[in-house]
Amino acid sequence: MTNFLSYLILLIILGLFTRRKVYADDTEVFIQTACENRQVRLTCYGESILYIHSALYGRDTLETCKSGHGRSTSCSAEGALQIVRDTCQNQRSCVVEAKNYVFGDPCYGVLKYLQVSYTCEIKAWHMVFKGVSGAGEPDLYDLWRDDGSLNALNDSARTLNDSLKAHFKSPMVDRWSEYEIQRVKIAFYKDSVQEAYIIFDGSHTEKMDWFALENVISSSYDDLNDQAANNFSIKG
């Protein structure tokens, strides 16, 4: 395995979902409705993916999917939001059936409908940590582990070169659990050119446990599987 210390800059880049408007009309929240026994189709375009905000299967108004059968306007299936998220969250498109066998029947004899609100979001990489060879203290492991940011307001510290001999740590690192992290990328740069990388599955991780062999999704190294577990850790 290539010696990491041969590179000038170490970057750990955190993959997050950022809320960005991706439609020309600046509409941010979309609502799709389907009457019972039909289907809702949710779609995002380009590189954007679905983020589900709410889901109702039942009825909360007489105006939607009008019917002469049943007058209830207080009818909703428990767990509808989770069901839709399990099917559609982080996908580019999906279809959900507005049927009792999917959600259960919260009000027998009443014509129900499925209504889903969602936004289209773009997955983006955010640099959250940078270690520069020759920058000196603090120790990189201690900097990552301990609370507190470093050079967070210094734009020069976030460049992909060693023009500033200083490490960088974003406040986002210490708020790891607050973000819907999907991927973590650790990349090694020399002369502003990426020389090597490892991408990890960052979902359901904390800031100290994502760096593990079982979380590796892709890498420029072809010998990672030959590494012993005690030789592959965030501490090194």
Protein backbone atom coordinates (compact mmCIF):
# COMPACT_ATOMS: atom_id res chain seq x y z
CA MET A 1 0.00 0.00 0.00
CA THR A 2 1.34 3.45 -0.91
CA ASN A 3 2.88 5.45 1.93
CA PHE A 4 0.36 8.17 2.79
CA LEU A 5 3.12 10.42 4.16
CA SER A 6 4.60 10.86 0.70
CA TYR A 7 1.82 13.28 -0.13
CA LEU A 8 1.80 16.91 0.86
CA ILE A 9 -1.86 17.34 1.68
CA LEU A 10 -4.39 15.10 3.36
CA LEU A 11 -8.03 15.97 2.77
CA ILE A 12 -11.02 14.35 4.36
CA ILE A 13 -14.11 15.41 2.46
CA LEU A 14 -17.54 14.79 3.90
CA GLY A 15 -20.44 13.98 1.57
CA LEU A 16 -23.69 15.66 2.56
CA PHE A 17 -27.05 16.45 1.02
CA THR A 18 -27.41 20.17 0.53
CA ARG A 19 -30.74 21.93 0.21
CA ARG A 20 -30.63 23.72 -3.14
CA LYS A 21 -33.34 24.92 -5.49
CA VAL A 22 -32.87 23.04 -8.73
CA TYR A 23 -35.83 24.21 -10.80
CA ALA A 24 -36.01 27.37 -12.87
CA ASP A 25 -39.28 28.48 -11.32
CA ASP A 26 -37.66 28.45 -7.83
CA THR A 27 -40.33 26.09 -6.51
CA GLU A 28 -38.79 24.29 -3.57
CA VAL A 29 -41.42 21.94 -2.12
CA PHE A 30 -43.40 19.65 -4.43
CA ILE A 31 -46.69 17.92 -3.60
CA GLN A 32 -48.02 14.87 -5.42
CA THR A 33 -51.44 13.36 -4.74
CA ALA A 34 -53.07 10.13 -5.89
CA CYS A 35 -56.55 8.87 -5.11
CA GLU A 36 -56.92 5.42 -3.57
CA ASN A 37 -55.96 2.54 -5.91
CA ARG A 38 -53.83 4.82 -8.06
CA GLN A 39 -50.16 5.68 -7.68
CA VAL A 40 -47.92 8.62 -6.84
CA ARG A 41 -44.88 9.13 -9.03
CA LEU A 42 -42.09 11.27 -7.59
CA THR A 43 -39.31 12.49 -9.88
CA CYS A 44 -36.17 14.62 -9.63
CA TYR A 45 -33.94 15.53 -12.53
CA GLY A 46 -30.22 15.78 -13.22
CA GLU A 47 -28.11 14.92 -10.18
CA SER A 48 -30.84 15.78 -7.68
CA ILE A 49 -32.44 13.17 -5.43
CA LEU A 50 -35.66 12.87 -3.45
CA TYR A 51 -36.03 14.08 0.12
CA ILE A 52 -39.45 13.18 1.55
CA HIS A 53 -40.91 15.73 3.98
CA SER A 54 -44.40 14.41 4.66
CA ALA A 55 -46.81 11.70 3.61
CA LEU A 56 -50.52 11.23 4.30
CA TYR A 57 -52.54 8.18 3.41
CA GLY A 58 -56.14 8.80 4.43
CA ARG A 59 -58.10 12.02 4.22
CA ASP A 60 -57.92 15.46 5.80
CA THR A 61 -60.21 17.37 3.45
CA LEU A 62 -63.37 16.74 1.43
CA GLU A 63 -62.00 18.64 -1.57
CA THR A 64 -59.33 16.13 -2.60
CA CYS A 65 -60.50 12.99 -4.43
CA LYS A 66 -64.17 13.83 -3.88
CA SER A 67 -66.48 10.91 -3.20
CA GLY A 68 -69.99 10.26 -1.97
CA HIS A 69 -68.71 7.42 0.21
CA GLY A 70 -67.73 8.45 3.74
CA ARG A 71 -67.45 12.00 5.04
CA SER A 72 -64.50 11.57 7.41
CA THR A 73 -61.80 14.26 7.26
CA SER A 74 -59.79 12.93 10.19
CA CYS A 75 -58.27 9.78 8.82
CA SER A 76 -54.59 8.96 8.42
CA ALA A 77 -52.53 5.79 8.36
CA GLU A 78 -49.80 5.54 10.98
CA GLY A 79 -46.30 5.12 9.59
CA ALA A 80 -47.11 6.51 6.12
CA LEU A 81 -44.10 8.84 6.14
CA GLN A 82 -41.67 6.04 6.98
CA ILE A 83 -43.15 3.76 4.33
CA VAL A 84 -42.68 6.40 1.63
CA ARG A 85 -39.19 7.24 2.84
CA ASP A 86 -38.19 3.58 2.81
CA THR A 87 -39.29 3.41 -0.82
CA CYS A 88 -38.19 6.78 -2.18
CA GLN A 89 -35.67 8.58 0.01
CA ASN A 90 -32.42 9.39 -1.82
CA GLN A 91 -33.73 8.00 -5.13
CA ARG A 92 -34.03 10.00 -8.34
CA SER A 93 -37.55 8.73 -8.95
CA CYS A 94 -39.98 6.27 -7.45
CA VAL A 95 -43.59 5.07 -7.57
CA VAL A 96 -45.78 4.43 -4.51
CA GLU A 97 -49.14 2.69 -4.70
CA ALA A 98 -52.00 4.44 -2.89
CA LYS A 99 -53.49 1.19 -1.66
CA ASN A 100 -54.56 -0.35 1.62
CA TYR A 101 -52.16 -3.28 1.26
CA VAL A 102 -49.27 -0.78 1.39
CA PHE A 103 -50.44 1.46 4.24
CA GLY A 104 -53.29 -0.42 5.90
CA ASP A 105 -56.86 0.86 6.03
CA PRO A 106 -57.14 3.74 8.53
CA CYS A 107 -60.85 4.35 7.85
CA TYR A 108 -62.96 1.60 6.35
CA GLY A 109 -65.52 2.75 3.79
CA VAL A 110 -63.86 6.11 3.15
CA LEU A 111 -62.18 6.88 -0.19
CA LYS A 112 -58.63 7.74 0.74
CA TYR A 113 -55.72 9.39 -1.03
CA LEU A 114 -51.95 9.49 -0.77
CA GLN A 115 -50.34 12.92 -0.61
CA VAL A 116 -46.56 13.33 -0.49
CA SER A 117 -44.49 16.49 -0.17
CA TYR A 118 -40.84 16.41 -1.20
CA THR A 119 -37.88 18.43 -2.40
CA CYS A 120 -35.17 17.62 -4.92
CA GLU A 121 -31.71 17.95 -3.42
CA ILE A 122 -28.20 17.75 -4.76
CA LYS A 123 -25.53 15.57 -3.17
CA ALA A 124 -22.41 17.65 -2.65
CA TRP A 125 -18.93 17.16 -1.24
CA HIS A 126 -17.86 19.50 1.54
CA MET A 127 -14.26 19.74 2.67
CA VAL A 128 -14.28 19.42 6.45
CA PHE A 129 -10.69 18.54 7.29
CA LYS A 130 -7.27 19.15 5.80
CA GLY A 131 -3.84 18.15 7.03
CA VAL A 132 -0.72 19.65 5.46
CA SER A 133 2.69 17.98 5.61
CA GLY A 134 5.13 20.18 7.50
CA ALA A 135 2.44 22.26 9.20
CA GLY A 136 3.42 20.98 12.63
CA GLU A 137 1.11 20.95 15.63
CA PRO A 138 -1.55 20.03 16.44
CA ASP A 139 -1.34 16.30 15.83
CA LEU A 140 -3.88 15.37 13.11
CA TYR A 141 -5.49 12.56 15.09
CA ASP A 142 -5.88 14.78 18.16
CA LEU A 143 -7.29 17.57 15.99
CA TRP A 144 -9.91 15.24 14.48
CA ARG A 145 -10.83 13.61 17.81
CA ASP A 146 -11.00 16.66 20.05
CA ASP A 147 -13.78 19.23 19.93
CA GLY A 148 -13.11 22.56 18.28
CA SER A 149 -12.49 23.89 14.78
CA LEU A 150 -9.26 25.25 13.28
CA ASN A 151 -8.84 27.96 10.62
CA ALA A 152 -12.54 27.65 9.83
CA LEU A 153 -12.77 31.26 8.61
CA ASN A 154 -9.52 31.20 6.63
CA ASP A 155 -10.29 30.62 2.93
CA SER A 156 -6.63 29.90 2.20
CA ALA A 157 -6.74 26.92 4.54
CA ARG A 158 -9.38 25.24 2.34
CA THR A 159 -7.41 25.22 -0.92
CA LEU A 160 -6.13 22.01 -2.52
CA ASN A 161 -2.49 23.01 -2.15
CA ASP A 162 0.06 23.72 0.58
CA SER A 163 0.39 27.47 -0.03
CA LEU A 164 -0.62 27.94 3.60
CA LYS A 165 1.25 25.66 6.00
CA ALA A 166 -1.73 25.14 8.26
CA HIS A 167 -4.27 22.45 9.04
CA PHE A 168 -8.02 22.98 8.69
CA LYS A 169 -11.01 21.59 10.59
CA SER A 170 -14.62 22.60 10.00
CA PRO A 171 -17.14 22.85 12.87
CA MET A 172 -19.19 20.29 10.91
CA VAL A 173 -16.91 17.50 12.14
CA ASP A 174 -18.04 17.90 15.74
CA ARG A 175 -21.69 18.04 14.67
CA TRP A 176 -21.44 14.76 12.73
CA SER A 177 -24.69 13.26 13.99
CA GLU A 178 -26.70 16.33 12.92
CA TYR A 179 -26.07 15.71 9.21
CA GLU A 180 -27.50 13.09 6.90
CA ILE A 181 -24.06 11.82 5.90
CA GLN A 182 -23.97 9.38 3.00
CA ARG A 183 -20.32 9.24 1.95
CA VAL A 184 -16.94 10.15 3.42
CA LYS A 185 -13.98 10.62 1.12
CA ILE A 186 -10.37 10.74 2.21
CA ALA A 187 -8.09 11.98 -0.57
CA PHE A 188 -4.35 12.50 -0.85
CA TYR A 189 -3.03 15.39 -2.93
CA LYS A 190 0.38 16.35 -4.26
CA ASP A 191 0.91 19.60 -6.17
CA SER A 192 -2.88 20.17 -6.21
CA VAL A 193 -3.47 16.85 -7.97
CA GLN A 194 -5.34 13.97 -6.35
CA GLU A 195 -2.99 11.00 -6.14
CA ALA A 196 -5.09 8.54 -4.14
CA TYR A 197 -8.49 8.25 -2.46
CA ILE A 198 -10.79 6.03 -0.42
CA ILE A 199 -14.57 6.50 -0.27
CA PHE A 200 -16.51 5.15 2.71
CA ASP A 201 -20.17 4.56 3.41
CA GLY A 202 -20.82 7.23 6.02
CA SER A 203 -24.46 6.43 6.78
CA HIS A 204 -25.22 5.53 10.41
CA THR A 205 -21.68 6.40 11.52
CA GLU A 206 -20.09 8.71 14.05
CA LYS A 207 -17.01 10.84 13.52
CA MET A 208 -14.71 8.23 15.09
CA ASP A 209 -16.01 5.00 13.53
CA TRP A 210 -16.55 5.59 9.78
CA PHE A 211 -12.94 4.72 8.94
CA ALA A 212 -13.30 0.93 8.75
CA LEU A 213 -12.61 -1.69 6.10
CA GLU A 214 -16.23 -2.86 6.08
CA ASN A 215 -17.33 0.69 5.16
CA VAL A 216 -15.09 1.05 2.07
CA ILE A 217 -17.13 1.57 -1.11
CA SER A 218 -14.37 2.34 -3.60
CA SER A 219 -10.68 3.15 -3.60
CA SER A 220 -7.68 3.80 -5.83
CA TYR A 221 -5.79 1.17 -3.83
CA ASP A 222 -5.96 -2.45 -4.94
CA ASP A 223 -4.61 -4.03 -1.76
CA LEU A 224 -7.01 -2.79 0.92
CA ASN A 225 -8.44 -6.27 1.45
CA ASP A 226 -4.95 -7.44 2.40
CA GLN A 227 -4.78 -5.02 5.32
CA ALA A 228 -5.22 -6.36 8.85
CA ALA A 229 -7.98 -4.63 10.79
CA ASN A 230 -5.54 -3.31 13.39
CA ASN A 231 -3.50 -1.66 10.59
CA PHE A 232 -6.53 0.13 9.15
CA SER A 233 -7.90 2.69 11.55
CA ILE A 234 -8.48 6.40 11.80
CA LYS A 235 -5.58 6.63 14.23
CA GLY A 236 -3.21 4.94 11.79
